């Protein structure tokens, strides 16, 4: 799951996690649209995390070893 800013809306891909290493999302792209800073949108920080489905809360503590962020044309 990823979102723009601390209070932004999020985009996600469901992934079933097992013990060990995992590639998230597994083969599918997760596309996040960032607001246009030239038009007054201040939040440009990209936050990655986990969402606890049963409580509906954003979970911290995710360790990201590598993230590739690509600007689309």
PDB file of N, CA and C in Angstrom:
ATOM      1  N   UNK A   1       0.844  -1.160   0.000  1.00  0.00           N
ATOM      2  CA  UNK A   1       0.000   0.000   0.000  1.00  0.00           C
ATOM      3  C   UNK A   1       0.894   1.230   0.000  1.00  0.00           C
ATOM      4  N   UNK A   2       0.465   2.233  -0.697  1.00  0.00           N
ATOM      5  CA  UNK A   2       1.201   3.489  -0.721  1.00  0.00           C
ATOM      6  C   UNK A   2       0.206   4.636  -0.744  1.00  0.00           C
ATOM      7  N   UNK A   3       0.620   5.760  -0.181  1.00  0.00           N
ATOM      8  CA  UNK A   3      -0.238   6.941  -0.189  1.00  0.00           C
ATOM      9  C   UNK A   3       0.627   8.190  -0.260  1.00  0.00           C
ATOM     10  N   UNK A   4       0.008   9.278  -0.675  1.00  0.00           N
ATOM     11  CA  UNK A   4       0.684  10.564  -0.771  1.00  0.00           C
ATOM     12  C   UNK A   4       0.363  11.350   0.481  1.00  0.00           C
ATOM     13  N   UNK A   5       1.399  11.798   1.198  1.00  0.00           N
ATOM     14  CA  UNK A   5       1.207  12.560   2.425  1.00  0.00           C
ATOM     15  C   UNK A   5       0.680  11.691   3.555  1.00  0.00           C
ATOM     16  N   UNK A   6       0.701  12.236   4.765  1.00  0.00           N
ATOM     17  CA  UNK A   6       0.255  11.458   5.925  1.00  0.00           C
ATOM     18  C   UNK A   6      -1.249  11.246   5.944  1.00  0.00           C
ATOM     19  N   UNK A   7      -2.020  12.171   5.367  1.00  0.00           N
ATOM     20  CA  UNK A   7      -3.478  12.064   5.398  1.00  0.00           C
ATOM     21  C   UNK A   7      -4.068  11.783   4.025  1.00  0.00           C
ATOM     22  N   UNK A   8      -3.230  11.439   3.067  1.00  0.00           N
ATOM     23  CA  UNK A   8      -3.709  11.213   1.714  1.00  0.00           C
ATOM     24  C   UNK A   8      -4.457   9.911   1.547  1.00  0.00           C
ATOM     25  N   UNK A   9      -5.133   9.789   0.415  1.00  0.00           N
ATOM     26  CA  UNK A   9      -5.799   8.525   0.113  1.00  0.00           C
ATOM     27  C   UNK A   9      -4.747   7.534  -0.376  1.00  0.00           C
ATOM     28  N   UNK A  10      -5.040   6.260  -0.258  1.00  0.00           N
ATOM     29  CA  UNK A  10      -4.048   5.247  -0.559  1.00  0.00           C
ATOM     30  C   UNK A  10      -4.455   4.414  -1.761  1.00  0.00           C
ATOM     31  N   UNK A  11      -3.459   3.796  -2.381  1.00  0.00           N
ATOM     32  CA  UNK A  11      -3.661   2.805  -3.429  1.00  0.00           C
ATOM     33  C   UNK A  11      -3.013   1.526  -2.948  1.00  0.00           C
ATOM     34  N   UNK A  12      -3.567   0.394  -3.346  1.00  0.00           N
ATOM     35  CA  UNK A  12      -3.013  -0.853  -2.833  1.00  0.00           C
ATOM     36  C   UNK A  12      -3.191  -1.994  -3.823  1.00  0.00           C
ATOM     37  N   UNK A  13      -2.401  -3.016  -3.628  1.00  0.00           N
ATOM     38  CA  UNK A  13      -2.541  -4.295  -4.308  1.00  0.00           C
ATOM     39  C   UNK A  13      -2.541  -5.353  -3.217  1.00  0.00           C
ATOM     40  N   UNK A  14      -3.541  -6.228  -3.166  1.00  0.00           N
ATOM     41  CA  UNK A  14      -3.533  -7.273  -2.146  1.00  0.00           C
ATOM     42  C   UNK A  14      -2.431  -8.290  -2.422  1.00  0.00           C
ATOM     43  N   UNK A  15      -1.696  -8.647  -1.392  1.00  0.00           N
ATOM     44  CA  UNK A  15      -0.602  -9.611  -1.498  1.00  0.00           C
ATOM     45  C   UNK A  15      -0.696 -10.552  -0.309  1.00  0.00           C
ATOM     46  N   UNK A  16      -0.591 -11.832  -0.552  1.00  0.00           N
ATOM     47  CA  UNK A  16      -0.578 -12.811   0.531  1.00  0.00           C
ATOM     48  C   UNK A  16       0.883 -13.015   0.931  1.00  0.00           C
ATOM     49  N   UNK A  17       1.217 -12.676   2.167  1.00  0.00           N
ATOM     50  CA  UNK A  17       2.596 -12.764   2.635  1.00  0.00           C
ATOM     51  C   UNK A  17       2.858 -14.094   3.317  1.00  0.00           C
ATOM     52  N   UNK A  18       4.012 -14.670   3.016  1.00  0.00           N
ATOM     53  CA  UNK A  18       4.493 -15.871   3.680  1.00  0.00           C
ATOM     54  C   UNK A  18       5.775 -15.514   4.410  1.00  0.00           C
ATOM     55  N   UNK A  19       6.302 -16.428   5.170  1.00  0.00           N
ATOM     56  CA  UNK A  19       7.594 -16.196   5.828  1.00  0.00           C
ATOM     57  C   UNK A  19       8.681 -16.098   4.764  1.00  0.00           C
ATOM     58  N   UNK A  20       9.671 -15.271   5.009  1.00  0.00           N
ATOM     59  CA  UNK A  20      10.771 -15.125   4.067  1.00  0.00           C
ATOM     60  C   UNK A  20      10.625 -13.877   3.219  1.00  0.00           C
ATOM     61  N   UNK A  21      11.402 -13.823   2.166  1.00  0.00           N
ATOM     62  CA  UNK A  21      11.412 -12.655   1.284  1.00  0.00           C
ATOM     63  C   UNK A  21      10.216 -12.667   0.344  1.00  0.00           C
ATOM     64  N   UNK A  22       9.770 -11.474  -0.008  1.00  0.00           N
ATOM     65  CA  UNK A  22       8.647 -11.343  -0.934  1.00  0.00           C
ATOM     66  C   UNK A  22       8.847 -10.097  -1.775  1.00  0.00           C
ATOM     67  N   UNK A  23       8.384 -10.154  -3.006  1.00  0.00           N
ATOM     68  CA  UNK A  23       8.373  -8.983  -3.872  1.00  0.00           C
ATOM     69  C   UNK A  23       6.955  -8.439  -3.851  1.00  0.00           C
ATOM     70  N   UNK A  24       6.830  -7.178  -3.481  1.00  0.00           N
ATOM     71  CA  UNK A  24       5.508  -6.571  -3.346  1.00  0.00           C
ATOM     72  C   UNK A  24       5.442  -5.331  -4.226  1.00  0.00           C
ATOM     73  N   UNK A  25       4.460  -5.177  -5.078  1.00  0.00           N
ATOM     74  CA  UNK A  25       3.510  -6.190  -5.501  1.00  0.00           C
ATOM     75  C   UNK A  25       4.198  -7.210  -6.390  1.00  0.00           C
ATOM     76  N   UNK A  26       3.754  -8.416  -6.379  1.00  0.00           N
ATOM     77  CA  UNK A  26       4.416  -9.514  -7.079  1.00  0.00           C
ATOM     78  C   UNK A  26       4.115  -9.466  -8.578  1.00  0.00           C
ATOM     79  N   UNK A  27       4.943  -8.765  -9.320  1.00  0.00           N
ATOM     80  CA  UNK A  27       4.811  -8.706 -10.768  1.00  0.00           C
ATOM     81  C   UNK A  27       3.883  -7.625 -11.288  1.00  0.00           C
ATOM     82  N   UNK A  28       2.907  -7.198 -10.523  1.00  0.00           N
ATOM     83  CA  UNK A  28       1.981  -6.152 -10.954  1.00  0.00           C
ATOM     84  C   UNK A  28       2.502  -4.795 -10.507  1.00  0.00           C
ATOM     85  N   UNK A  29       2.212  -3.788 -11.298  1.00  0.00           N
ATOM     86  CA  UNK A  29       2.626  -2.437 -10.924  1.00  0.00           C
ATOM     87  C   UNK A  29       1.601  -1.813  -9.987  1.00  0.00           C
ATOM     88  N   UNK A  30       2.082  -1.043  -9.048  1.00  0.00           N
ATOM     89  CA  UNK A  30       1.217  -0.261  -8.170  1.00  0.00           C
ATOM     90  C   UNK A  30       1.397   1.187  -8.589  1.00  0.00           C
ATOM     91  N   UNK A  31       0.352   1.786  -9.141  1.00  0.00           N
ATOM     92  CA  UNK A  31       0.451   3.144  -9.675  1.00  0.00           C
ATOM     93  C   UNK A  31      -0.164   4.132  -8.696  1.00  0.00           C
ATOM     94  N   UNK A  32       0.616   5.157  -8.340  1.00  0.00           N
ATOM     95  CA  UNK A  32       0.180   6.207  -7.427  1.00  0.00           C
ATOM     96  C   UNK A  32       0.239   7.527  -8.181  1.00  0.00           C
ATOM     97  N   UNK A  33      -0.849   8.279  -8.170  1.00  0.00           N
ATOM     98  CA  UNK A  33      -0.875   9.581  -8.823  1.00  0.00           C
ATOM     99  C   UNK A  33      -0.562  10.653  -7.793  1.00  0.00           C
ATOM    100  N   UNK A  34       0.493  11.425  -8.063  1.00  0.00           N
ATOM    101  CA  UNK A  34       0.931  12.496  -7.167  1.00  0.00           C
ATOM    102  C   UNK A  34       0.329  13.794  -7.667  1.00  0.00           C
ATOM    103  N   UNK A  35      -0.186  14.607  -6.736  1.00  0.00           N
ATOM    104  CA  UNK A  35      -0.763  15.900  -7.100  1.00  0.00           C
ATOM    105  C   UNK A  35       0.268  16.819  -7.738  1.00  0.00           C
ATOM    106  N   UNK A  36      -0.215  17.801  -8.432  1.00  0.00           N
ATOM    107  CA  UNK A  36       0.644  18.755  -9.132  1.00  0.00           C
ATOM    108  C   UNK A  36       1.086  19.845  -8.169  1.00  0.00           C
ATOM    109  N   UNK A  37       2.372  19.885  -7.838  1.00  0.00           N
ATOM    110  CA  UNK A  37       2.882  20.885  -6.899  1.00  0.00           C
ATOM    111  C   UNK A  37       2.795  22.294  -7.463  1.00  0.00           C
ATOM    112  N   UNK A  38       2.807  22.429  -8.762  1.00  0.00           N
ATOM    113  CA  UNK A  38       2.709  23.755  -9.371  1.00  0.00           C
ATOM    114  C   UNK A  38       1.310  24.342  -9.177  1.00  0.00           C
ATOM    115  N   UNK A  39       0.318  23.505  -8.938  1.00  0.00           N
ATOM    116  CA  UNK A  39      -1.058  23.972  -8.737  1.00  0.00           C
ATOM    117  C   UNK A  39      -1.432  24.032  -7.268  1.00  0.00           C
ATOM    118  N   UNK A  40      -0.441  24.146  -6.386  1.00  0.00           N
ATOM    119  CA  UNK A  40      -0.711  24.366  -4.973  1.00  0.00           C
ATOM    120  C   UNK A  40      -0.801  23.133  -4.094  1.00  0.00           C
ATOM    121  N   UNK A  41      -0.605  21.954  -4.634  1.00  0.00           N
ATOM    122  CA  UNK A  41      -0.651  20.751  -3.806  1.00  0.00           C
ATOM    123  C   UNK A  41       0.690  20.592  -3.109  1.00  0.00           C
ATOM    124  N   UNK A  42       0.680  20.609  -1.759  1.00  0.00           N
ATOM    125  CA  UNK A  42       1.917  20.606  -0.982  1.00  0.00           C
ATOM    126  C   UNK A  42       2.468  19.211  -0.718  1.00  0.00           C
ATOM    127  N   UNK A  43       1.606  18.255  -0.488  1.00  0.00           N
ATOM    128  CA  UNK A  43       2.058  16.914  -0.113  1.00  0.00           C
ATOM    129  C   UNK A  43       2.637  16.177  -1.315  1.00  0.00           C
ATOM    130  N   UNK A  44       3.910  15.833  -1.244  1.00  0.00           N
ATOM    131  CA  UNK A  44       4.543  15.059  -2.304  1.00  0.00           C
ATOM    132  C   UNK A  44       5.302  13.871  -1.740  1.00  0.00           C
ATOM    133  N   UNK A  45       5.241  13.678  -0.420  1.00  0.00           N
ATOM    134  CA  UNK A  45       5.926  12.544   0.194  1.00  0.00           C
ATOM    135  C   UNK A  45       5.138  11.269  -0.069  1.00  0.00           C
ATOM    136  N   UNK A  46       5.849  10.234  -0.473  1.00  0.00           N
ATOM    137  CA  UNK A  46       5.238   8.944  -0.743  1.00  0.00           C
ATOM    138  C   UNK A  46       5.473   8.047   0.463  1.00  0.00           C
ATOM    139  N   UNK A  47       4.399   7.553   1.086  1.00  0.00           N
ATOM    140  CA  UNK A  47       4.479   6.706   2.276  1.00  0.00           C
ATOM    141  C   UNK A  47       4.081   5.281   1.906  1.00  0.00           C
ATOM    142  N   UNK A  48       4.915   4.318   2.290  1.00  0.00           N
ATOM    143  CA  UNK A  48       4.612   2.907   2.081  1.00  0.00           C
ATOM    144  C   UNK A  48       4.248   2.282   3.414  1.00  0.00           C
ATOM    145  N   UNK A  49       3.359   1.319   3.418  1.00  0.00           N
ATOM    146  CA  UNK A  49       3.009   0.669   4.672  1.00  0.00           C
ATOM    147  C   UNK A  49       2.093  -0.516   4.479  1.00  0.00           C
ATOM    148  N   UNK A  50       1.588  -0.985   5.587  1.00  0.00           N
ATOM    149  CA  UNK A  50       0.636  -2.092   5.608  1.00  0.00           C
ATOM    150  C   UNK A  50      -0.666  -1.602   6.215  1.00  0.00           C
ATOM    151  N   UNK A  51      -1.759  -2.198   5.802  1.00  0.00           N
ATOM    152  CA  UNK A  51      -3.080  -1.833   6.298  1.00  0.00           C
ATOM    153  C   UNK A  51      -3.670  -3.045   6.995  1.00  0.00           C
ATOM    154  N   UNK A  52      -4.083  -2.867   8.221  1.00  0.00           N
ATOM    155  CA  UNK A  52      -4.670  -3.961   8.987  1.00  0.00           C
ATOM    156  C   UNK A  52      -6.156  -4.043   8.649  1.00  0.00           C
ATOM    157  N   UNK A  53      -6.528  -5.055   7.899  1.00  0.00           N
ATOM    158  CA  UNK A  53      -7.881  -5.162   7.364  1.00  0.00           C
ATOM    159  C   UNK A  53      -8.927  -5.242   8.467  1.00  0.00           C
ATOM    160  N   UNK A  54      -8.709  -6.048   9.494  1.00  0.00           N
ATOM    161  CA  UNK A  54      -9.738  -6.266  10.509  1.00  0.00           C
ATOM    162  C   UNK A  54      -9.961  -5.069  11.415  1.00  0.00           C
ATOM    163  N   UNK A  55      -8.954  -4.188  11.587  1.00  0.00           N
ATOM    164  CA  UNK A  55      -9.166  -3.012  12.438  1.00  0.00           C
ATOM    165  C   UNK A  55      -9.320  -1.731  11.627  1.00  0.00           C
ATOM    166  N   UNK A  56      -8.958  -1.778  10.340  1.00  0.00           N
ATOM    167  CA  UNK A  56      -9.069  -0.598   9.493  1.00  0.00           C
ATOM    168  C   UNK A  56      -8.047   0.474   9.798  1.00  0.00           C
ATOM    169  N   UNK A  57      -6.879   0.080  10.323  1.00  0.00           N
ATOM    170  CA  UNK A  57      -5.846   1.055  10.690  1.00  0.00           C
ATOM    171  C   UNK A  57      -4.594   0.876   9.846  1.00  0.00           C
ATOM    172  N   UNK A  58      -3.923   1.991   9.599  1.00  0.00           N
ATOM    173  CA  UNK A  58      -2.641   2.012   8.915  1.00  0.00           C
ATOM    174  C   UNK A  58      -1.587   1.484   9.875  1.00  0.00           C
ATOM    175  N   UNK A  59      -0.775   0.535   9.426  1.00  0.00           N
ATOM    176  CA  UNK A  59       0.235  -0.071  10.286  1.00  0.00           C
ATOM    177  C   UNK A  59       1.620   0.446   9.910  1.00  0.00           C
ATOM    178  N   UNK A  60       2.403   0.776  10.901  1.00  0.00           N
ATOM    179  CA  UNK A  60       3.781   1.191  10.672  1.00  0.00           C
ATOM    180  C   UNK A  60       4.715   0.005  10.820  1.00  0.00           C
ATOM    181  N   UNK A  61       6.001   0.266  10.764  1.00  0.00           N
ATOM    182  CA  UNK A  61       6.990  -0.767  11.021  1.00  0.00           C
ATOM    183  C   UNK A  61       7.386  -1.592   9.821  1.00  0.00           C
ATOM    184  N   UNK A  62       6.961  -1.221   8.640  1.00  0.00           N
ATOM    185  CA  UNK A  62       7.345  -1.954   7.443  1.00  0.00           C
ATOM    186  C   UNK A  62       8.766  -1.566   7.063  1.00  0.00           C
ATOM    187  N   UNK A  63       9.631  -2.549   6.887  1.00  0.00           N
ATOM    188  CA  UNK A  63      11.004  -2.280   6.460  1.00  0.00           C
ATOM    189  C   UNK A  63      11.064  -2.476   4.952  1.00  0.00           C
ATOM    190  N   UNK A  64      11.435  -1.420   4.246  1.00  0.00           N
ATOM    191  CA  UNK A  64      11.532  -1.480   2.788  1.00  0.00           C
ATOM    192  C   UNK A  64      13.004  -1.531   2.425  1.00  0.00           C
ATOM    193  N   UNK A  65      13.406  -2.606   1.775  1.00  0.00           N
ATOM    194  CA  UNK A  65      14.801  -2.777   1.364  1.00  0.00           C
ATOM    195  C   UNK A  65      15.083  -2.011   0.075  1.00  0.00           C
ATOM    196  N   UNK A  66      14.112  -1.958  -0.818  1.00  0.00           N
ATOM    197  CA  UNK A  66      14.310  -1.282  -2.101  1.00  0.00           C
ATOM    198  C   UNK A  66      12.953  -0.828  -2.631  1.00  0.00           C
ATOM    199  N   UNK A  67      12.884   0.387  -3.118  1.00  0.00           N
ATOM    200  CA  UNK A  67      11.672   0.892  -3.764  1.00  0.00           C
ATOM    201  C   UNK A  67      12.087   1.613  -5.036  1.00  0.00           C
ATOM    202  N   UNK A  68      11.393   1.348  -6.097  1.00  0.00           N
ATOM    203  CA  UNK A  68      11.686   1.996  -7.367  1.00  0.00           C
ATOM    204  C   UNK A  68      10.502   2.882  -7.728  1.00  0.00           C
ATOM    205  N   UNK A  69      10.742   4.182  -7.786  1.00  0.00           N
ATOM    206  CA  UNK A  69       9.700   5.149  -8.110  1.00  0.00           C
ATOM    207  C   UNK A  69      10.028   5.723  -9.480  1.00  0.00           C
ATOM    208  N   UNK A  70       9.103   5.561 -10.418  1.00  0.00           N
ATOM    209  CA  UNK A  70       9.331   5.984 -11.798  1.00  0.00           C
ATOM    210  C   UNK A  70       8.269   7.000 -12.184  1.00  0.00           C
ATOM    211  N   UNK A  71       8.700   8.123 -12.739  1.00  0.00           N
ATOM    212  CA  UNK A  71       7.770   9.130 -13.237  1.00  0.00           C
ATOM    213  C   UNK A  71       7.310   8.709 -14.623  1.00  0.00           C
ATOM    214  N   UNK A  72       6.000   8.598 -14.792  1.00  0.00           N
ATOM    215  CA  UNK A  72       5.451   8.217 -16.092  1.00  0.00           C
ATOM    216  C   UNK A  72       5.358   9.446 -16.986  1.00  0.00           C
ATOM    217  N   UNK A  73       5.581   9.250 -18.275  1.00  0.00           N
ATOM    218  CA  UNK A  73       5.490  10.394 -19.202  1.00  0.00           C
ATOM    219  C   UNK A  73       4.073  10.898 -19.360  1.00  0.00           C
TER     220      UNK A  73
END
